[in-house]
Protein backbone atom coordinates (compact mmCIF):
# COMPACT_ATOMS: atom_id res chain seq x y z
CA MET A 1 0.00 0.00 0.00
CA LYS A 2 2.74 2.47 0.94
CA GLU A 3 4.50 1.92 -2.36
CA ASP A 4 1.23 2.51 -4.25
CA ILE A 5 0.62 5.89 -2.64
CA PHE A 6 4.08 7.15 -3.55
CA LYS A 7 4.66 5.33 -6.86
CA ASP A 8 5.13 8.68 -8.64
CA TYR A 9 8.13 9.33 -6.37
CA GLN A 10 9.81 5.95 -6.90
CA GLU A 11 12.86 7.51 -8.56
CA ARG A 12 13.40 9.76 -5.54
CA LEU A 13 12.94 6.84 -3.16
CA ASN A 14 15.30 4.59 -5.13
CA SER A 15 18.15 7.01 -4.46
CA LEU A 16 17.87 6.26 -0.73
CA ASP A 17 19.46 3.48 1.28
CA GLU A 18 17.07 0.54 1.70
CA ASN A 19 16.66 1.08 5.46
CA ILE A 20 16.12 4.82 5.05
CA ARG A 21 13.58 4.14 2.28
CA ALA A 22 11.48 1.88 4.53
CA VAL A 23 11.45 4.40 7.38
CA THR A 24 10.77 7.23 4.92
CA LEU A 25 7.71 5.45 3.54
CA LYS A 26 6.40 4.85 7.06
CA HIS A 27 6.79 8.50 8.05
CA ALA A 28 5.61 9.83 4.68
CA THR A 29 2.44 7.76 4.86
CA ASP A 30 1.77 9.10 8.35
CA PHE A 31 2.39 12.70 7.25
CA HIS A 32 0.22 12.33 4.15
CA LEU A 33 -2.72 10.60 5.82
CA ASN A 34 -2.71 12.21 9.26
CA LYS A 35 -1.14 15.63 8.80
CA ASN A 36 -2.84 16.57 5.52
CA CYS A 37 0.45 17.05 3.65
CA SER A 38 0.72 16.73 -0.10
CA LYS A 39 2.49 13.59 -1.31
CA GLU A 40 5.57 15.60 -2.28
CA GLU A 41 5.76 17.36 1.08
CA ALA A 42 5.15 14.08 2.92
CA ILE A 43 8.02 12.37 1.05
CA GLU A 44 10.43 15.22 1.80
CA ARG A 45 9.41 15.38 5.46
CA GLY A 46 9.65 11.60 5.70
CA ILE A 47 13.16 11.62 4.23
CA THR A 48 14.23 14.35 6.61
CA LYS A 49 12.83 12.56 9.66
CA ALA A 50 14.38 9.22 8.61
CA GLU A 51 17.80 10.79 7.95
CA ILE A 52 17.77 12.60 11.30
CA ALA A 53 16.76 9.43 13.15
CA ASN A 54 19.45 7.47 11.33
CA ARG A 55 22.10 9.99 12.36
CA LYS A 56 20.59 10.27 15.87
CA LEU A 57 20.52 14.06 15.76
């Protein structure tokens, strides 16, 4: 389901590490469905949150 929502952004997601991609999709889905973000904004916010968590900032 997560991949279906963001299939238009697959190229952007493919540039990410596999672990970051999975976390990004989780966060992006949450942002898109619960925070009323556009898909593009949700992907970018998801990437940011996943990268920060990965670096433990």
